[in-house]
Protein backbone atom coordinates (compact mmCIF):
# COMPACT_ATOMS: atom_id res chain seq x y z
CA MET A 1 84.22 14.29 29.69
CA ASN A 2 87.62 14.05 28.03
CA THR A 3 88.20 14.14 24.28
CA THR A 4 88.87 10.40 23.99
CA VAL A 5 85.48 9.58 25.54
CA THR A 6 83.89 12.23 23.34
CA GLY A 7 85.55 10.63 20.33
CA ALA A 8 84.03 7.24 21.19
CA ARG A 9 80.60 8.85 21.51
CA GLN A 10 81.05 10.56 18.13
CA ARG A 11 82.00 7.26 16.50
CA VAL A 12 78.79 5.72 17.86
CA SER A 13 76.83 8.61 16.34
CA GLU A 14 78.56 8.15 12.99
CA HIS A 15 77.73 4.45 12.90
CA GLN A 16 74.15 5.26 13.85
CA ARG A 17 73.85 7.88 11.12
CA ARG A 18 75.13 5.51 8.43
CA PHE A 19 73.02 2.60 9.62
CA GLU A 20 69.58 4.22 9.78
CA PRO A 21 68.98 4.53 6.01
CA ARG A 22 70.32 1.01 5.46
CA PHE A 23 67.91 -0.36 8.04
CA ALA A 24 64.99 1.46 6.43
CA ALA A 25 66.06 0.14 3.01
CA TYR A 26 66.06 -3.39 4.40
CA PHE A 27 62.41 -3.08 5.43
CA ASP A 28 61.60 -1.64 2.02
CA SER A 29 63.20 -4.70 0.45
CA LEU A 30 60.90 -7.02 2.40
CA THR A 31 57.92 -5.73 0.45
CA ASN A 32 59.66 -5.36 -2.93
CA PRO A 33 59.44 -8.52 -5.08
CA ALA A 34 62.57 -7.44 -6.96
CA THR A 35 64.72 -7.53 -3.81
CA GLY A 36 63.90 -10.82 -2.09
CA ALA A 37 60.59 -9.85 -0.56
CA LEU A 38 59.12 -11.73 2.36
CA GLU A 39 56.15 -13.60 0.95
CA LEU A 40 52.95 -12.53 2.70
CA PRO A 41 49.41 -13.85 2.15
CA PRO A 42 47.78 -11.47 -0.34
CA HIS A 43 44.36 -11.46 1.36
CA ALA A 44 45.41 -11.21 5.02
CA LYS A 45 45.88 -8.01 6.98
CA PHE A 46 47.42 -9.22 10.24
CA PRO A 47 50.86 -10.22 8.84
CA ALA A 48 51.32 -6.87 7.09
CA ARG A 49 50.27 -5.04 10.27
CA ALA A 50 52.83 -7.02 12.27
CA LEU A 51 55.58 -6.20 9.79
CA ASP A 52 54.63 -2.51 9.92
CA LEU A 53 54.81 -2.52 13.72
CA VAL A 54 58.16 -4.33 13.73
CA ARG A 55 59.46 -1.81 11.21
CA ASP A 56 58.20 1.15 13.24
CA MET A 57 59.69 -0.17 16.47
CA SER A 58 63.00 -0.98 14.79
CA LEU A 59 63.37 2.42 13.13
CA ARG A 60 62.06 4.45 16.04
CA GLY A 61 65.43 5.08 17.58
CA GLY A 62 67.93 3.59 19.96
CA LYS A 63 71.62 4.24 20.41
CA ARG A 64 72.69 1.51 17.94
CA LEU A 65 75.56 0.60 20.23
CA ARG A 66 75.44 -2.96 18.88
CA VAL A 67 75.99 -1.65 15.37
CA ALA A 68 78.97 0.35 16.58
CA PHE A 69 80.43 -2.69 18.38
CA LEU A 70 80.07 -4.75 15.23
CA HIS A 71 81.81 -2.27 12.92
CA GLU A 72 84.53 -1.42 15.41
CA ALA A 73 85.21 -5.12 16.02
CA ALA A 74 85.70 -5.63 12.28
CA ALA A 75 87.96 -2.57 12.23
CA LEU A 76 90.20 -4.15 14.86
CA ALA A 77 91.55 -6.37 12.08
CA THR A 78 91.10 -4.37 8.87
CA ASP A 79 90.35 -0.90 7.56
CA GLN A 80 88.32 -2.37 4.69
CA PRO A 81 84.60 -3.03 5.30
CA GLY A 82 84.05 -6.74 4.85
CA PRO A 83 81.04 -8.43 3.26
CA GLY A 84 78.17 -9.13 5.59
CA LEU A 85 78.67 -6.18 7.93
CA ASP A 86 75.44 -4.45 6.93
CA GLU A 87 73.47 -7.69 7.14
CA ALA A 88 74.98 -8.51 10.53
CA ALA A 89 74.06 -5.03 11.81
CA ILE A 90 70.48 -5.48 10.62
CA SER A 91 70.37 -8.93 12.20
CA ILE A 92 71.57 -7.58 15.54
CA GLU A 93 68.99 -4.82 15.59
CA LEU A 94 66.16 -7.18 14.61
CA LEU A 95 67.10 -9.40 17.53
CA GLN A 96 67.02 -6.29 19.70
CA THR A 97 63.52 -5.52 18.45
CA HIS A 98 62.47 -9.07 19.34
CA GLY A 99 63.81 -8.56 22.86
CA LEU A 100 62.11 -5.20 23.31
CA ILE A 101 58.74 -6.58 22.22
CA HIS A 102 58.96 -9.51 24.62
CA ASP A 103 60.20 -7.22 27.42
CA ASP A 104 57.17 -5.00 26.91
CA ILE A 105 54.85 -8.02 26.97
CA ILE A 106 56.38 -9.35 30.19
CA ASP A 107 56.42 -5.93 31.87
CA ALA A 108 53.03 -4.83 30.48
CA SER A 109 54.79 -1.67 29.25
CA THR A 110 52.63 0.84 27.42
CA ALA A 111 55.43 2.93 25.89
CA ARG A 112 58.77 2.35 24.23
CA ARG A 113 61.12 4.90 22.71
CA GLY A 114 58.63 7.69 23.15
CA ALA A 115 55.66 5.95 21.48
CA PRO A 116 53.23 3.10 22.20
CA SER A 117 54.87 -0.29 22.67
CA ILE A 118 53.84 -3.03 20.26
CA PRO A 119 51.70 -4.77 22.93
CA GLN A 120 49.98 -1.43 23.57
CA ALA A 121 49.47 -0.88 19.84
CA TYR A 122 47.69 -4.21 19.64
CA ARG A 123 45.66 -3.43 22.77
CA ASP A 124 44.57 -0.25 21.02
CA ASP A 125 43.69 -2.26 17.90
CA PHE A 126 41.69 -4.86 19.87
CA PRO A 127 40.42 -3.21 23.09
CA ASP A 128 37.76 -5.89 23.55
CA HIS A 129 40.04 -8.85 22.80
CA PRO A 130 43.04 -8.71 25.17
CA ASP A 131 44.04 -12.33 24.50
CA THR A 132 44.18 -11.67 20.77
CA ALA A 133 46.23 -8.52 21.35
CA LEU A 134 48.67 -10.46 23.53
CA GLY A 135 48.99 -13.28 21.01
CA LEU A 136 49.64 -10.88 18.15
CA ALA A 137 52.35 -9.09 20.14
CA VAL A 138 54.08 -12.43 20.84
CA LEU A 139 53.96 -13.29 17.14
CA ALA A 140 55.37 -9.88 16.19
CA GLY A 141 58.33 -10.54 18.48
CA ASP A 142 58.79 -13.98 16.92
CA LEU A 143 58.70 -12.45 13.45
CA ALA A 144 61.55 -10.09 14.35
CA ALA A 145 63.61 -13.00 15.72
CA PHE A 146 63.23 -15.13 12.59
CA LEU A 147 63.94 -12.17 10.31
CA SER A 148 67.15 -11.70 12.28
CA LEU A 149 68.39 -15.10 11.07
CA ARG A 150 66.86 -14.80 7.60
CA VAL A 151 68.83 -11.68 6.75
CA LEU A 152 72.12 -13.52 7.33
CA LEU A 153 71.16 -16.73 5.58
CA THR A 154 69.81 -15.02 2.45
CA CYS A 155 72.59 -12.48 1.91
CA ASP A 156 75.43 -12.79 -0.59
CA LEU A 157 78.09 -14.36 1.62
CA PRO A 158 80.23 -17.47 1.28
CA PRO A 159 78.13 -20.33 2.74
CA GLY A 160 80.62 -21.08 5.51
CA ARG A 161 80.72 -17.49 6.71
CA ALA A 162 76.94 -17.06 6.53
CA ALA A 163 76.45 -20.23 8.56
CA ALA A 164 79.02 -19.16 11.17
CA MET A 165 77.40 -15.74 11.57
CA ALA A 166 73.91 -17.22 11.76
CA ALA A 167 75.15 -19.66 14.41
CA VAL A 168 76.39 -16.74 16.51
CA GLN A 169 73.00 -15.08 16.28
CA ALA A 170 71.04 -18.27 16.93
CA ASP A 171 73.10 -18.89 20.07
CA ALA A 172 72.69 -15.27 21.19
CA GLY A 173 68.93 -15.43 20.62
CA ALA A 174 68.54 -18.67 22.57
CA LEU A 175 70.57 -17.33 25.48
CA THR A 176 68.53 -14.12 25.46
CA VAL A 177 65.38 -16.19 26.00
CA VAL A 178 67.19 -18.03 28.81
CA GLY A 179 67.96 -14.60 30.22
CA GLN A 180 64.27 -13.72 30.15
CA PHE A 181 63.56 -16.77 32.32
CA VAL A 182 66.29 -15.76 34.79
CA ASP A 183 65.00 -12.19 34.73
CA LEU A 184 61.57 -13.36 35.87
CA GLU A 185 63.03 -15.76 38.44
CA ARG A 186 65.00 -12.90 39.99
CA ASP A 187 61.80 -11.25 41.22
CA PHE A 188 60.66 -14.28 43.22
CA GLY A 189 62.02 -15.39 46.57
CA PRO A 190 64.49 -13.46 48.72
CA LEU A 191 66.22 -10.28 47.62
CA PRO A 192 68.70 -11.30 44.89
CA ASP A 193 72.40 -10.84 45.47
CA LEU A 194 74.67 -9.11 42.97
CA ASP A 195 75.83 -12.39 41.44
CA THR A 196 72.23 -13.19 40.52
CA LEU A 197 71.80 -9.76 38.94
CA HIS A 198 75.04 -10.26 37.02
CA ASP A 199 73.68 -13.58 35.68
CA VAL A 200 70.51 -11.84 34.50
CA THR A 201 72.58 -9.18 32.75
CA GLU A 202 74.93 -11.71 31.17
CA PHE A 203 72.24 -13.87 29.64
CA LYS A 204 69.47 -11.39 28.97
CA THR A 205 71.62 -8.60 27.55
CA THR A 206 75.38 -9.03 27.33
CA ARG A 207 75.52 -12.12 25.13
CA TYR A 208 73.51 -10.55 22.29
CA SER A 209 74.27 -6.88 22.85
CA VAL A 210 78.05 -6.99 23.23
CA LEU A 211 79.59 -10.43 22.75
CA ALA A 212 77.65 -11.39 19.61
CA PRO A 213 78.46 -8.11 17.80
CA LEU A 214 82.15 -8.54 18.64
CA ARG A 215 82.16 -12.08 17.30
CA LEU A 216 80.19 -11.10 14.19
CA GLY A 217 82.48 -8.17 13.44
CA LEU A 218 85.58 -10.36 13.56
CA LEU A 219 83.90 -13.00 11.38
CA ALA A 220 82.98 -10.32 8.82
CA ALA A 221 86.64 -9.27 8.79
CA GLY A 222 87.67 -12.86 8.09
CA VAL A 223 89.03 -13.47 11.61
CA ASP A 224 88.14 -16.53 13.68
CA PRO A 225 87.03 -15.10 17.06
CA ALA A 226 87.60 -18.38 18.94
CA PRO A 227 91.23 -17.72 20.00
CA TYR A 228 90.16 -14.40 21.56
CA ASP A 229 86.93 -15.59 23.12
CA ALA A 230 88.02 -15.44 26.78
CA GLU A 231 89.03 -11.79 26.61
CA LEU A 232 86.02 -10.88 24.49
CA ARG A 233 83.85 -12.41 27.20
CA ARG A 234 85.65 -10.48 29.96
CA TYR A 235 85.21 -7.22 28.10
CA SER A 236 81.58 -7.95 27.25
CA THR A 237 80.64 -8.99 30.78
CA ALA A 238 82.13 -5.88 32.39
CA LEU A 239 80.66 -3.53 29.79
CA GLY A 240 77.29 -5.28 29.91
CA ILE A 241 77.05 -4.81 33.66
CA ALA A 242 78.11 -1.15 33.44
CA ASN A 243 75.51 -0.55 30.75
CA THR A 244 72.70 -2.33 32.61
CA VAL A 245 73.49 -0.61 35.89
CA ARG A 246 73.30 2.73 34.09
CA ASP A 247 69.97 1.69 32.51
CA ASP A 248 68.66 0.91 35.98
CA TRP A 249 69.97 4.24 37.28
CA LEU A 250 68.16 6.03 34.46
CA ASP A 251 64.91 4.18 35.17
CA LEU A 252 64.88 5.56 38.70
CA PHE A 253 66.73 8.86 38.41
CA GLY A 254 66.64 9.77 34.70
CA ASP A 255 64.40 12.22 32.86
CA PRO A 256 61.45 10.26 31.36
CA ALA A 257 61.24 12.72 28.46
CA VAL A 258 64.84 11.88 27.53
CA VAL A 259 64.78 8.17 28.38
CA GLY A 260 61.59 7.62 26.36
CA LYS A 261 59.57 5.60 28.88
CA PRO A 262 57.69 6.33 32.11
CA ALA A 263 59.69 7.00 35.26
CA CYS A 264 60.14 4.30 37.89
CA SER A 265 58.90 1.52 35.63
CA ASP A 266 61.05 -0.98 37.54
CA ILE A 267 59.41 0.07 40.81
CA ARG A 268 55.92 -0.15 39.29
CA SER A 269 56.54 -3.61 37.82
CA GLY A 270 58.33 -4.97 40.89
CA ARG A 271 61.59 -5.55 39.02
CA ARG A 272 64.45 -5.90 41.48
CA SER A 273 67.01 -4.22 39.29
CA TYR A 274 70.43 -3.03 40.43
CA ALA A 275 68.97 0.31 41.54
CA VAL A 276 65.86 -1.16 43.17
CA ARG A 277 67.94 -3.82 44.92
CA ALA A 278 70.29 -1.16 46.28
CA LEU A 279 67.32 0.76 47.65
CA LEU A 280 65.73 -2.33 49.23
CA ALA A 281 69.05 -3.44 50.71
CA ALA A 282 69.85 -0.08 52.30
CA ASP A 283 69.96 -0.56 56.08
CA THR A 284 69.60 3.16 56.75
CA LEU A 285 65.92 3.39 55.75
CA ASP A 286 63.57 4.08 58.63
CA GLU A 287 60.28 2.23 59.09
CA ARG A 288 58.18 4.80 57.22
CA GLU A 289 60.57 4.94 54.27
CA ARG A 290 60.75 1.18 53.96
CA LYS A 291 56.97 0.97 54.06
CA VAL A 292 56.68 3.54 51.25
CA VAL A 293 59.19 1.70 49.06
CA GLN A 294 57.69 -1.73 49.71
CA GLY A 295 54.19 -0.39 49.08
CA ALA A 296 55.13 1.07 45.71
CA LEU A 297 57.10 -1.98 44.58
CA GLY A 298 55.04 -4.01 42.14
CA ASP A 299 52.08 -1.59 42.20
CA PRO A 300 51.39 -0.47 38.61
CA HIS A 301 48.93 2.11 39.94
CA SER A 302 51.33 3.96 42.22
CA ASP A 303 50.52 7.66 41.96
CA GLU A 304 53.01 10.36 41.13
CA ASP A 305 53.29 11.61 44.70
CA THR A 306 54.22 8.14 45.94
CA LEU A 307 56.85 7.72 43.26
CA LEU A 308 58.28 11.15 44.00
CA ASP A 309 58.50 10.09 47.63
CA VAL A 310 60.36 6.91 46.62
CA LEU A 311 62.73 8.98 44.53
CA ALA A 312 63.36 11.39 47.40
CA ILE A 313 64.06 8.48 49.74
CA ALA A 314 66.51 6.99 47.26
CA ARG A 315 68.39 10.27 46.89
CA ARG A 316 68.36 10.90 50.63
CA HIS A 317 70.16 7.61 51.17
CA ALA A 318 72.61 8.21 48.30
CA ILE A 319 71.32 5.31 46.20
CA ASP A 320 71.98 7.38 43.09
CA ARG A 321 75.66 7.70 44.00
CA THR A 322 75.97 4.06 45.09
CA VAL A 323 74.53 2.71 41.86
CA GLN A 324 76.56 5.10 39.71
CA ALA A 325 79.72 3.94 41.48
CA GLN A 326 78.83 0.37 40.48
CA ALA A 327 78.52 1.41 36.83
CA ASP A 328 81.86 3.23 36.98
CA HIS A 329 83.60 0.23 38.57
CA HIS A 330 82.57 -2.17 35.82
CA ALA A 331 83.24 0.40 33.11
CA GLN A 332 86.79 0.68 34.38
CA GLN A 333 87.16 -3.11 34.27
CA ALA A 334 86.04 -3.18 30.62
CA ALA A 335 88.41 -0.35 29.73
CA ALA A 336 91.32 -2.23 31.30
CA VAL A 337 90.61 -5.28 29.11
CA ALA A 338 90.50 -3.16 25.96
CA ARG A 339 93.69 -1.38 26.98
CA SER A 340 95.50 -4.71 26.79
CA TRP A 341 94.65 -4.95 23.07
CA HIS A 342 97.08 -2.18 22.13
CA GLY A 343 99.85 -3.59 19.96
CA ARG A 344 97.77 -6.50 18.68
CA TRP A 345 94.86 -4.76 16.97
CA ARG A 346 94.53 -1.50 15.01
CA PRO A 347 94.84 1.50 17.37
CA GLU A 348 91.70 3.52 16.53
CA PRO A 349 89.12 0.79 17.25
CA VAL A 350 91.11 -0.29 20.33
CA ALA A 351 90.82 3.29 21.60
CA PHE A 352 87.09 3.17 20.88
CA PHE A 353 86.61 0.05 23.00
CA GLU A 354 88.85 1.48 25.70
CA HIS A 355 87.00 4.77 26.09
CA LEU A 356 83.42 3.76 25.28
CA PRO A 357 82.71 2.25 28.75
CA ALA A 358 83.17 5.60 30.48
CA TRP A 359 80.62 7.16 28.14
CA THR A 360 78.05 4.40 28.43
CA ALA A 361 78.29 4.53 32.23
CA HIS A 362 77.27 8.23 32.18
CA ARG A 363 74.89 8.50 29.21
CA ASP A 364 71.51 10.20 29.58
CA LEU A 365 69.39 7.73 27.58
């Protein structure tokens, strides 16, 4: 990995390091009457438990790439941190928490970021009441989504800017839910083509994970993002696909101890991700291999030997290399868009956006 890619990775780490204590302080403020606390019923336990679980999930980890995108987008226009950047970063990560909770509900995931998922935490709380556990998990995800907007609308920003930033997040949140619908639709009917998978990525992930942070960063810097929207979308779409393809690669070929969730979760849940689609579409599989893969797909009780067999089949037919080549292709497209920004924007953040795709396409978690 060359020094420019390493520099982009280091900038992500710096943004992450600065953000973590600010995010923790935000959750502290929600229970502190002196700092705009969220009003909770004094005699109820469920709301406080939900807030604790949302806090734990939010602070548990993650790469904070969205936070980096936000700050680097603002830095494209100015070297002075503008008002609202911290609140926008918190808003982005709360929306991410909302998405993770709902993902784990839909996929029946038991673990997230190396610990029990919120649905699993509620199943542990209410082992004899699965419907109650499910309902509470849904409400916890909703709480994170509404907090995401609240943090922007209650911060000390000019009303016009606060409204514009909240509108970006509201749109991103709505499209993320649309993406969840498309994500579920993908796994019905015939094997999806790549355009369908790109649509899932665009709406479920890219709009809130890349495009919204770019727009919010420019707004915080006092720049109207509208004149640059077409190129921001091109960059976001290419980077979003590269990032999702790498996520799918990690789900099948990554180290579960590093990734923070069980191996082959897409196979177990029947999700026809980029990697799973590539495996199913391979015309070199023999009858036995195809039977093994099809038998494991959508079976949450597949044993370790079966999954190891699936993994061996995938490697034998070079699915790992095929999928990685997809990630690299889209990363190169994103880098080319960012390269065109030289001369218009400040050089350091342009270099960040230019070299980050190569890192994200080869990350280990």
